[in-house]
N, C-alpha and C. Protein backbone atom coordinates (compact mmCIF):
# COMPACT_ATOMS: atom_id res chain seq x y z
N MET A 1 127.29 28.63 23.70
CA MET A 1 128.44 28.23 24.37
C MET A 1 128.22 27.49 25.50
N ALA A 2 128.98 26.29 25.86
CA ALA A 2 128.91 25.43 26.88
C ALA A 2 129.22 26.25 28.31
N GLU A 3 128.64 25.80 29.45
CA GLU A 3 129.08 26.29 30.79
C GLU A 3 130.35 26.04 30.92
N GLU A 4 131.03 26.73 31.74
CA GLU A 4 132.40 26.35 32.23
C GLU A 4 132.52 26.48 33.79
N ARG A 5 133.15 25.56 34.20
CA ARG A 5 133.20 25.38 35.78
C ARG A 5 134.72 25.50 36.16
N GLN A 6 135.08 26.75 36.45
CA GLN A 6 136.64 27.08 36.95
C GLN A 6 136.73 26.39 38.27
N GLY A 7 137.98 25.71 38.28
CA GLY A 7 138.19 24.92 39.51
C GLY A 7 137.61 23.59 39.58
N GLY A 8 136.84 23.16 38.47
CA GLY A 8 136.17 21.92 38.57
C GLY A 8 136.95 20.70 38.93
N THR A 9 138.20 20.86 38.60
CA THR A 9 139.19 19.81 38.88
C THR A 9 140.42 20.44 39.17
N THR A 10 141.32 19.47 39.58
CA THR A 10 142.77 19.90 39.76
C THR A 10 143.60 18.96 39.01
N PHE A 11 144.89 19.36 38.66
CA PHE A 11 146.02 18.46 38.18
C PHE A 11 147.08 18.77 39.00
N LEU A 12 147.46 17.83 39.92
CA LEU A 12 148.77 18.11 40.85
C LEU A 12 148.51 19.43 41.57
N GLY A 13 147.33 19.66 42.06
CA GLY A 13 146.97 20.80 42.85
C GLY A 13 146.67 21.96 42.21
N ASN A 14 146.90 22.06 40.65
CA ASN A 14 146.55 23.25 40.01
C ASN A 14 145.21 23.28 39.47
N PRO A 15 144.51 24.31 39.86
CA PRO A 15 143.02 24.34 39.34
C PRO A 15 142.79 24.36 37.84
N LEU A 16 141.71 23.62 37.27
CA LEU A 16 141.60 23.75 35.94
C LEU A 16 140.00 23.84 35.81
N THR A 17 139.71 24.21 34.47
CA THR A 17 138.19 24.54 34.16
C THR A 17 137.59 23.23 33.32
N LEU A 18 136.54 22.90 33.91
CA LEU A 18 135.74 21.86 33.25
C LEU A 18 134.74 22.58 32.29
N VAL A 19 134.57 22.04 31.06
CA VAL A 19 133.60 22.73 30.20
C VAL A 19 132.24 21.57 30.15
N GLY A 20 131.09 22.23 30.39
CA GLY A 20 129.94 21.47 30.44
C GLY A 20 129.48 21.43 31.85
N LYS A 21 128.10 21.32 31.75
CA LYS A 21 127.25 21.12 33.06
C LYS A 21 127.77 19.97 33.95
N GLU A 22 127.76 20.10 35.35
CA GLU A 22 127.84 19.07 36.20
C GLU A 22 126.58 18.23 36.12
N LEU A 23 126.81 16.94 36.08
CA LEU A 23 125.58 16.19 36.11
C LEU A 23 125.32 15.50 37.48
N LEU A 24 124.18 15.33 37.70
CA LEU A 24 123.73 14.93 39.18
C LEU A 24 122.95 13.62 39.14
N VAL A 25 122.87 12.91 40.27
CA VAL A 25 122.24 11.57 40.28
C VAL A 25 120.59 12.17 40.01
N GLY A 26 120.01 11.31 39.17
CA GLY A 26 118.71 11.58 38.87
C GLY A 26 118.49 12.37 37.40
N ASP A 27 119.48 13.00 37.06
CA ASP A 27 119.63 13.61 35.64
C ASP A 27 119.47 12.64 34.59
N LYS A 28 118.93 12.78 33.62
CA LYS A 28 118.93 12.03 32.40
C LYS A 28 120.36 12.17 31.74
N ALA A 29 120.79 10.98 31.39
CA ALA A 29 122.24 10.82 30.75
C ALA A 29 122.12 11.57 29.43
N PRO A 30 122.85 12.46 29.10
CA PRO A 30 122.88 13.06 27.83
C PRO A 30 123.46 12.23 26.71
N ALA A 31 122.78 12.65 25.53
CA ALA A 31 123.39 11.94 24.26
C ALA A 31 124.63 12.29 23.91
N PHE A 32 125.43 11.45 23.32
CA PHE A 32 126.80 11.81 22.90
C PHE A 32 127.13 10.72 21.64
N ASN A 33 128.20 11.41 20.81
CA ASN A 33 128.58 10.67 19.65
C ASN A 33 130.18 10.51 19.70
N VAL A 34 130.64 9.36 19.73
CA VAL A 34 132.01 9.01 19.85
C VAL A 34 132.33 8.06 18.82
N LEU A 35 133.71 7.62 18.84
CA LEU A 35 133.96 6.62 17.91
C LEU A 35 134.69 5.37 18.63
N ASN A 36 134.17 4.26 18.05
CA ASN A 36 134.61 2.83 18.66
C ASN A 36 135.93 2.50 17.93
N GLY A 37 136.58 1.37 18.32
CA GLY A 37 137.87 0.93 17.67
C GLY A 37 137.81 0.70 16.26
N ALA A 38 136.61 0.54 15.64
CA ALA A 38 136.46 0.33 14.11
C ALA A 38 136.20 1.62 13.48
N LEU A 39 136.47 2.72 14.29
CA LEU A 39 135.99 4.11 13.82
C LEU A 39 134.62 4.48 13.39
N GLU A 40 133.71 3.55 13.95
CA GLU A 40 132.25 3.63 13.77
C GLU A 40 131.67 4.60 14.91
N SER A 41 130.65 5.26 14.37
CA SER A 41 129.98 6.26 15.38
C SER A 41 129.32 5.52 16.33
N THR A 42 129.48 5.73 17.74
CA THR A 42 128.75 5.00 18.73
C THR A 42 128.24 6.04 19.72
N THR A 43 126.91 5.71 20.02
CA THR A 43 126.06 6.74 20.84
C THR A 43 125.74 5.80 22.17
N LEU A 44 124.92 6.59 22.97
CA LEU A 44 124.27 6.05 24.03
C LEU A 44 123.45 5.07 23.73
N ASP A 45 122.47 5.20 22.62
CA ASP A 45 121.53 4.33 22.27
C ASP A 45 122.05 2.85 21.85
N ASP A 46 123.22 2.90 21.60
CA ASP A 46 123.96 1.65 21.12
C ASP A 46 124.08 0.69 22.43
N PHE A 47 123.77 1.31 23.70
CA PHE A 47 123.71 0.46 24.97
C PHE A 47 122.52 0.47 25.49
N GLN A 48 121.40 0.66 24.66
CA GLN A 48 119.99 0.70 25.24
C GLN A 48 119.71 -0.60 25.99
N GLY A 49 119.04 -0.37 27.07
CA GLY A 49 118.44 -1.38 27.75
C GLY A 49 119.65 -2.13 28.88
N LYS A 50 120.77 -1.49 28.63
CA LYS A 50 121.83 -2.02 29.63
C LYS A 50 122.12 -0.93 30.65
N VAL A 51 122.81 -1.41 31.84
CA VAL A 51 123.31 -0.41 32.78
C VAL A 51 124.81 -0.20 32.26
N LYS A 52 124.95 1.15 32.26
CA LYS A 52 126.27 1.55 31.91
C LYS A 52 127.21 2.09 33.00
N VAL A 53 128.41 1.55 33.04
CA VAL A 53 129.41 2.24 34.07
C VAL A 53 130.39 2.88 33.03
N ILE A 54 130.30 4.25 33.11
CA ILE A 54 131.17 5.06 32.06
C ILE A 54 132.17 5.75 32.87
N CYS A 55 133.51 5.19 32.48
CA CYS A 55 134.62 6.02 33.12
C CYS A 55 135.38 6.94 32.15
N THR A 56 135.50 8.05 32.59
CA THR A 56 136.33 9.02 31.72
C THR A 56 137.70 9.23 32.43
N VAL A 57 138.58 9.33 31.43
CA VAL A 57 140.09 9.27 31.82
C VAL A 57 140.85 10.39 30.88
N PRO A 58 141.86 11.01 31.30
CA PRO A 58 142.76 11.90 30.51
C PRO A 58 143.46 11.02 29.42
N SER A 59 144.00 9.85 29.74
CA SER A 59 144.78 9.08 28.62
C SER A 59 145.01 7.65 29.31
N LEU A 60 144.86 6.82 28.49
CA LEU A 60 144.94 5.32 28.85
C LEU A 60 146.47 5.17 29.13
N ASP A 61 147.24 5.87 28.43
CA ASP A 61 148.81 5.66 28.59
C ASP A 61 149.38 6.51 29.81
N THR A 62 148.56 6.70 30.70
CA THR A 62 149.20 7.26 32.01
C THR A 62 148.96 6.36 33.13
N PRO A 63 149.80 6.35 34.19
CA PRO A 63 149.66 5.27 35.41
C PRO A 63 148.55 5.19 35.94
N THR A 64 147.74 6.32 36.40
CA THR A 64 146.41 6.36 37.20
C THR A 64 145.30 5.81 36.26
N CYS A 65 145.28 6.03 35.11
CA CYS A 65 144.35 5.57 34.16
C CYS A 65 144.55 4.19 33.95
N ASP A 66 145.80 3.72 33.72
CA ASP A 66 146.10 2.19 33.61
C ASP A 66 145.63 1.49 34.72
N THR A 67 145.72 1.80 35.71
CA THR A 67 145.37 1.16 37.11
C THR A 67 143.92 1.13 37.01
N GLU A 68 143.30 2.37 36.97
CA GLU A 68 141.89 2.42 36.93
C GLU A 68 141.15 1.44 35.98
N ILE A 69 141.50 1.48 34.64
CA ILE A 69 140.80 0.59 33.83
C ILE A 69 141.09 -0.72 33.99
N ARG A 70 142.25 -1.14 34.29
CA ARG A 70 142.48 -2.54 34.61
C ARG A 70 141.71 -2.95 35.78
N ARG A 71 141.39 -2.15 36.78
CA ARG A 71 140.65 -2.49 37.92
C ARG A 71 139.22 -2.84 37.45
N PHE A 72 138.62 -1.81 36.66
CA PHE A 72 137.18 -1.82 36.17
C PHE A 72 137.11 -3.29 35.13
N ASN A 73 138.20 -3.48 34.37
CA ASN A 73 138.07 -4.75 33.64
C ASN A 73 138.04 -5.94 34.64
N GLN A 74 138.71 -6.08 35.60
CA GLN A 74 138.72 -7.23 36.60
C GLN A 74 137.33 -7.24 37.25
N GLU A 75 136.71 -6.21 37.40
CA GLU A 75 135.41 -6.29 37.95
C GLU A 75 134.30 -6.41 37.16
N ALA A 76 134.49 -6.08 35.97
CA ALA A 76 133.48 -6.33 34.85
C ALA A 76 132.58 -7.52 34.91
N SER A 77 133.36 -8.61 34.97
CA SER A 77 132.61 -9.90 34.91
C SER A 77 131.69 -10.15 36.10
N SER A 78 132.02 -9.59 37.22
CA SER A 78 131.12 -9.65 38.39
C SER A 78 129.77 -8.74 38.40
N LEU A 79 129.75 -7.99 37.42
CA LEU A 79 128.72 -7.00 37.20
C LEU A 79 127.48 -7.68 36.50
N GLY A 80 127.70 -8.78 35.71
CA GLY A 80 126.64 -9.40 34.83
C GLY A 80 126.63 -9.02 33.44
N ALA A 81 125.95 -9.66 32.69
CA ALA A 81 125.76 -9.46 31.33
C ALA A 81 125.11 -8.20 30.92
N ASN A 82 124.13 -7.76 31.85
CA ASN A 82 123.38 -6.62 31.54
C ASN A 82 124.07 -5.14 31.92
N VAL A 83 125.39 -5.34 32.03
CA VAL A 83 126.09 -3.99 32.56
C VAL A 83 127.25 -4.03 31.40
N ALA A 84 127.26 -2.83 30.90
CA ALA A 84 128.48 -2.47 29.76
C ALA A 84 129.31 -1.47 30.59
N VAL A 85 130.62 -1.87 30.61
CA VAL A 85 131.69 -0.90 31.20
C VAL A 85 132.33 -0.20 29.96
N LEU A 86 132.23 1.14 30.00
CA LEU A 86 132.88 1.78 29.01
C LEU A 86 133.96 2.84 29.57
N THR A 87 134.96 3.02 28.82
CA THR A 87 135.86 4.12 29.03
C THR A 87 136.12 5.03 27.97
N LEU A 88 136.02 6.40 28.23
CA LEU A 88 136.09 7.33 27.27
C LEU A 88 137.37 8.15 27.61
N SER A 89 137.92 8.41 26.51
CA SER A 89 139.07 9.49 26.68
C SER A 89 139.34 10.10 25.23
N LEU A 90 140.29 11.17 25.06
CA LEU A 90 140.49 11.86 23.83
C LEU A 90 141.60 11.05 23.10
N ASP A 91 142.07 10.03 23.67
CA ASP A 91 143.03 9.02 22.85
C ASP A 91 142.27 8.80 21.37
N LEU A 92 143.26 8.58 20.55
CA LEU A 92 142.75 8.07 19.18
C LEU A 92 142.21 6.53 19.17
N PRO A 93 141.20 6.15 18.61
CA PRO A 93 140.78 4.67 18.66
C PRO A 93 142.09 3.77 18.62
N PHE A 94 143.06 4.02 17.66
CA PHE A 94 144.16 3.04 17.63
C PHE A 94 144.91 2.90 18.60
N ALA A 95 145.18 4.03 19.32
CA ALA A 95 145.96 4.02 20.69
C ALA A 95 145.15 3.13 21.67
N GLN A 96 143.84 3.45 21.96
CA GLN A 96 142.98 2.68 22.74
C GLN A 96 143.12 1.25 22.42
N GLY A 97 142.99 0.90 21.30
CA GLY A 97 143.13 -0.53 20.74
C GLY A 97 144.31 -1.29 21.35
N ARG A 98 145.40 -0.55 20.98
CA ARG A 98 146.74 -0.86 21.35
C ARG A 98 146.98 -1.20 22.69
N TRP A 99 146.39 -0.07 23.64
CA TRP A 99 146.64 -0.22 25.05
C TRP A 99 145.77 -1.24 25.59
N CYS A 100 144.71 -1.57 25.17
CA CYS A 100 143.77 -2.56 25.62
C CYS A 100 144.37 -3.92 25.37
N GLY A 101 144.84 -3.98 24.06
CA GLY A 101 145.48 -5.37 23.64
C GLY A 101 146.79 -5.76 24.65
N ALA A 102 147.75 -4.67 24.89
CA ALA A 102 148.75 -4.77 25.52
C ALA A 102 148.49 -5.19 27.07
N ALA A 103 147.32 -4.48 27.55
CA ALA A 103 146.94 -4.67 28.84
C ALA A 103 146.06 -5.89 29.16
N GLY A 104 145.59 -6.63 28.16
CA GLY A 104 144.67 -7.65 28.31
C GLY A 104 143.31 -7.24 28.60
N VAL A 105 142.84 -6.04 28.30
CA VAL A 105 141.48 -5.35 28.75
C VAL A 105 140.55 -5.93 27.63
N GLU A 106 139.64 -6.80 28.06
CA GLU A 106 138.64 -7.37 27.15
C GLU A 106 137.33 -6.97 27.56
N ASP A 107 137.07 -6.75 28.97
CA ASP A 107 135.60 -6.44 29.32
C ASP A 107 135.25 -5.01 29.50
N VAL A 108 136.18 -4.14 29.03
CA VAL A 108 135.84 -2.75 29.09
C VAL A 108 135.83 -2.24 27.57
N THR A 109 134.79 -1.50 27.25
CA THR A 109 134.66 -1.01 25.74
C THR A 109 135.40 0.39 25.59
N PRO A 110 136.51 0.48 24.95
CA PRO A 110 137.16 1.83 24.97
C PRO A 110 136.31 2.75 23.86
N LEU A 111 136.22 3.87 24.13
CA LEU A 111 135.50 4.78 23.12
C LEU A 111 136.27 6.06 23.11
N SER A 112 136.38 6.69 21.92
CA SER A 112 137.19 7.90 21.81
C SER A 112 136.43 8.93 21.47
N ASP A 113 136.70 10.14 22.21
CA ASP A 113 135.76 11.34 22.08
C ASP A 113 136.74 12.39 21.41
N HIS A 114 137.75 11.90 20.60
CA HIS A 114 138.77 12.87 20.10
C HIS A 114 138.16 13.78 19.07
N ARG A 115 137.22 13.31 18.33
CA ARG A 115 136.71 13.91 17.13
C ARG A 115 136.01 15.45 17.60
N ASP A 116 135.01 15.46 18.24
CA ASP A 116 134.58 16.76 18.82
C ASP A 116 134.14 16.96 20.13
N ALA A 117 134.63 15.87 20.90
CA ALA A 117 134.50 16.19 22.40
C ALA A 117 133.18 16.18 22.96
N SER A 118 132.18 15.59 22.22
CA SER A 118 130.68 15.57 22.39
C SER A 118 130.37 15.03 23.93
N PHE A 119 131.15 13.95 24.16
CA PHE A 119 130.93 13.42 25.43
C PHE A 119 131.40 14.27 26.64
N GLY A 120 132.67 14.82 26.44
CA GLY A 120 133.24 15.67 27.41
C GLY A 120 132.35 16.83 27.68
N GLU A 121 131.82 17.53 26.63
CA GLU A 121 131.10 18.68 27.06
C GLU A 121 129.71 18.32 27.50
N ALA A 122 129.08 17.32 27.14
CA ALA A 122 127.76 16.82 27.46
C ALA A 122 127.63 16.35 28.98
N TYR A 123 128.74 15.75 29.35
CA TYR A 123 128.98 15.12 30.66
C TYR A 123 129.81 16.07 31.66
N GLY A 124 130.13 17.28 31.12
CA GLY A 124 130.95 18.08 31.87
C GLY A 124 132.47 17.76 32.39
N THR A 125 133.09 16.78 31.43
CA THR A 125 134.30 16.48 32.02
C THR A 125 135.38 16.88 30.97
N LEU A 126 135.22 17.83 30.13
CA LEU A 126 136.37 18.36 29.27
C LEU A 126 137.08 19.36 29.86
N VAL A 127 138.37 19.16 30.01
CA VAL A 127 139.34 20.18 30.71
C VAL A 127 139.69 21.06 29.58
N LYS A 128 139.44 22.36 29.83
CA LYS A 128 139.49 23.41 28.82
C LYS A 128 140.90 23.63 28.63
N GLU A 129 141.84 23.65 29.53
CA GLU A 129 143.21 23.99 29.45
C GLU A 129 143.99 23.01 28.83
N LEU A 130 143.74 21.84 28.85
CA LEU A 130 144.60 20.60 28.31
C LEU A 130 143.87 19.85 27.24
N ARG A 131 142.43 20.19 27.06
CA ARG A 131 141.71 19.48 25.91
C ARG A 131 141.96 17.83 26.21
N LEU A 132 141.83 17.56 27.30
CA LEU A 132 141.70 16.16 28.00
C LEU A 132 140.30 15.85 28.69
N LEU A 133 139.93 14.92 28.92
CA LEU A 133 138.74 14.58 29.85
C LEU A 133 139.44 14.21 31.17
N SER A 134 138.53 14.96 32.10
CA SER A 134 138.91 14.71 33.60
C SER A 134 138.57 13.37 33.92
N ARG A 135 138.81 12.90 35.15
CA ARG A 135 138.58 11.69 35.73
C ARG A 135 137.09 11.67 36.24
N ALA A 136 136.21 10.83 35.95
CA ALA A 136 134.95 10.83 36.37
C ALA A 136 134.37 9.45 36.23
N VAL A 137 133.36 8.98 36.79
CA VAL A 137 132.74 7.81 36.66
C VAL A 137 131.18 8.02 36.98
N PHE A 138 130.46 7.53 36.05
CA PHE A 138 129.14 7.65 35.93
C PHE A 138 128.35 6.34 35.89
N VAL A 139 127.32 6.03 36.61
CA VAL A 139 126.55 4.77 36.48
C VAL A 139 125.15 5.37 35.92
N VAL A 140 124.83 4.72 34.78
CA VAL A 140 123.52 5.02 34.11
C VAL A 140 122.81 3.72 34.04
N ASP A 141 121.47 3.83 34.33
CA ASP A 141 120.72 2.78 34.50
C ASP A 141 120.28 2.47 33.11
N SER A 142 119.17 1.33 33.04
CA SER A 142 118.79 0.88 31.71
C SER A 142 117.75 1.78 31.15
N GLN A 143 117.26 2.68 31.89
CA GLN A 143 116.36 3.71 31.41
C GLN A 143 117.11 5.04 31.22
N ASN A 144 118.43 5.11 31.26
CA ASN A 144 119.28 6.18 30.87
C ASN A 144 119.27 7.28 32.05
N GLU A 145 118.92 6.94 33.25
CA GLU A 145 119.04 7.75 34.40
C GLU A 145 120.38 7.67 34.94
N ILE A 146 120.91 8.84 35.37
CA ILE A 146 122.26 8.73 36.10
C ILE A 146 121.88 8.23 37.57
N THR A 147 122.53 7.14 37.90
CA THR A 147 122.35 6.86 39.46
C THR A 147 123.56 7.10 40.22
N TYR A 148 124.71 7.27 39.59
CA TYR A 148 125.92 7.65 40.37
C TYR A 148 126.63 8.53 39.44
N ALA A 149 127.29 9.39 40.00
CA ALA A 149 128.22 10.45 39.46
C ALA A 149 129.33 10.87 40.14
N GLU A 150 130.72 10.64 40.06
CA GLU A 150 131.77 10.97 40.75
C GLU A 150 132.62 11.86 39.61
N TYR A 151 132.78 13.15 40.07
CA TYR A 151 133.96 13.81 39.43
C TYR A 151 135.18 13.90 40.29
N VAL A 152 136.16 13.15 40.06
CA VAL A 152 137.19 12.93 40.91
C VAL A 152 137.83 14.54 40.85
N SER A 153 138.01 15.02 42.19
CA SER A 153 138.53 16.33 42.33
C SER A 153 139.82 16.48 41.87
N GLU A 154 140.76 15.68 42.07
CA GLU A 154 142.24 15.66 41.64
C GLU A 154 142.44 14.58 40.34
N ILE A 155 142.76 14.94 39.30
CA ILE A 155 142.90 14.10 38.14
C ILE A 155 143.87 13.07 38.36
N ALA A 156 144.81 13.23 39.17
CA ALA A 156 145.91 11.98 39.40
C ALA A 156 145.37 11.05 40.43
N ASP A 157 144.28 11.19 40.96
CA ASP A 157 143.71 10.29 42.10
C ASP A 157 142.76 9.21 41.39
N GLU A 158 142.57 8.19 41.97
CA GLU A 158 141.82 7.14 41.50
C GLU A 158 140.19 7.29 41.75
N PRO A 159 139.27 6.80 41.12
CA PRO A 159 137.99 7.10 41.68
C PRO A 159 137.55 6.01 42.96
N ASP A 160 136.33 6.17 43.42
CA ASP A 160 135.98 5.51 44.50
C ASP A 160 135.20 4.20 43.90
N TYR A 161 136.08 3.33 43.77
CA TYR A 161 135.76 1.98 43.07
C TYR A 161 134.56 1.49 43.76
N ALA A 162 134.53 1.24 44.91
CA ALA A 162 133.41 0.50 45.73
C ALA A 162 132.26 1.11 45.60
N SER A 163 132.04 2.52 45.64
CA SER A 163 130.79 3.14 45.47
C SER A 163 130.31 2.92 44.02
N ALA A 164 131.09 3.18 43.06
CA ALA A 164 130.73 3.06 41.48
C ALA A 164 130.30 1.42 41.37
N LEU A 165 131.01 0.62 41.91
CA LEU A 165 130.68 -0.84 41.76
C LEU A 165 129.29 -1.23 42.30
N ALA A 166 129.08 -0.56 43.52
CA ALA A 166 127.95 -0.83 44.29
C ALA A 166 126.65 -0.29 43.49
N ALA A 167 126.93 0.90 43.05
CA ALA A 167 125.79 1.55 42.41
C ALA A 167 125.56 0.69 41.05
N ALA A 168 126.53 0.25 40.37
CA ALA A 168 126.28 -0.75 39.18
C ALA A 168 125.64 -1.95 39.53
N LYS A 169 125.94 -2.58 40.50
CA LYS A 169 125.09 -3.63 41.04
C LYS A 169 123.72 -3.34 41.34
N SER A 170 123.45 -2.34 42.12
CA SER A 170 122.02 -1.89 42.46
C SER A 170 121.35 -1.43 41.19
N ALA A 171 121.85 -1.05 40.20
CA ALA A 171 121.20 -0.59 39.12
C ALA A 171 120.75 -1.66 38.07
N SER A 172 121.40 -2.81 38.28
CA SER A 172 121.18 -3.98 37.33
C SER A 172 120.20 -4.88 37.75
């Protein structure tokens, strides 16, 4: 059974439980198995040799998530070709594709953890009470070491963009 962190995040001030271990800078990035827009299995190994900026959000169809992923999409081109920007949620791949198309998001790769929440449990972002992912940002270097980790304490708040982007630039 996975570790549970009661009060690991809040939603509108109400404490929620995160399932999975809290990852720290210096930890090896855990393996995961999620789906891409073509319903193909996608793993950490698919981004081997690249720096990864990994954003987890509750749902792309919410205002804060919309703002966050649009911002990372705008910043992605300044990070260079060796950086992959990924967003993970429990949204179905079809919904992710529809949202990205409507929002003009082309530089962020949406990945769906809906099947078995393997990413959420491995990265400690699965919200037990809601079966959604909490808001978090990880930067993983080309050797799959975590160089930046932010678990946003209030799900309705945006992450620290400047620190995440600085970590991505220094890792590439």
